[in-house]
């Protein structure tokens, strides 16, 4: 039973028996009253009686009323039965027997029953409240269990995600280290190759330098021989006498006997047209010897390198200087030598 359920009086054992007893008492009371009114002229005292049944309960507490005590009635003489044959004098009425008053329920009993009813109601309310609280706790426990399971699943998912992230970072770090190692390996290989190339180039340069030195030494020896031979030729040419008694200028065929300074003029002109930067590391002073054949107008007929200096750039510069110097001038006699040899050194 709860607050929304209407109040109902609980069934008590022996209810029907109590109703039957109450009905019998009422019938007996009614019979006594009826006979008393009929045979007694004197108005009897009215007695009010209230019957309390243990099975009947009121929803509200019963206010106890004071019931007046019954007063004894005057004795009533018993009237003999009338004889129809002979009229008899009217006898005095016999004293009326006292009416048995049913026991009246005491107010304390009703209060106690009402108290018990309230106690039962309170107990039922407490039980219902306890049941409601138990149901609420059960629902809360279920909800908490679901939340705990959900939180546990989320935590597990988070741990799995964290492990995956750590694995990814580890793999990325591993790949990074591998790439760095490969890069360092390639750099080391390139460095070794560069060092090897430098060593090879240095060895080749050293070999070339030694070859150049050897060649320059051989050229120097050869140039010394050529210079010596040229000086001897010049001396021999200068010693030859002609009609004019002049010295030659290294001319091969006719010798410019009338203009001893012709050779120096030719040499100076060629030198002014020769452009060459002497290397700082050039060892010695190698000479390049060219044979020049001229036409009568002073132009070059042929140009031949008789002896290289060993420095290709210098030999080429001397050749260009000779070509730029044509036409060659005539000597004092008005003639151009048909040929001559030219010896040229870079440091002169």
Foldseek 3Di string as FASTA:
>chain_A
DDPVDDDDQDFDPCPVVQVVVVVVLVVVVVVLVVVCVVLDVDDDDDADADADDPRDADQDQDDDDDGDDDDAFDAFQPWDDADVVDGDDGDTGGYRDDRDGDDHDDSVSRVVVNVVVVVVVVVVVVVVVVVVVVVVVVVVVVVVVVVVVVVVVVVVVVVVVVVVVVVVVVVVVVVVVVVVVVVVVVVVVVVVVVVVVVVVVVVVVVVVVVVLVVVLVVLVVVVVVVVVVQVVVQVVQLPDQDPCSAGFQQFDPPRPRVFNCLNVVLVVQLVVQFDDDDDPPDPDWGKWKKKFFADFQQATPDIGTPGDRSDVSRNVSSVRSNNVSPSRAAGPVRTDRRMGMDIDTPVD
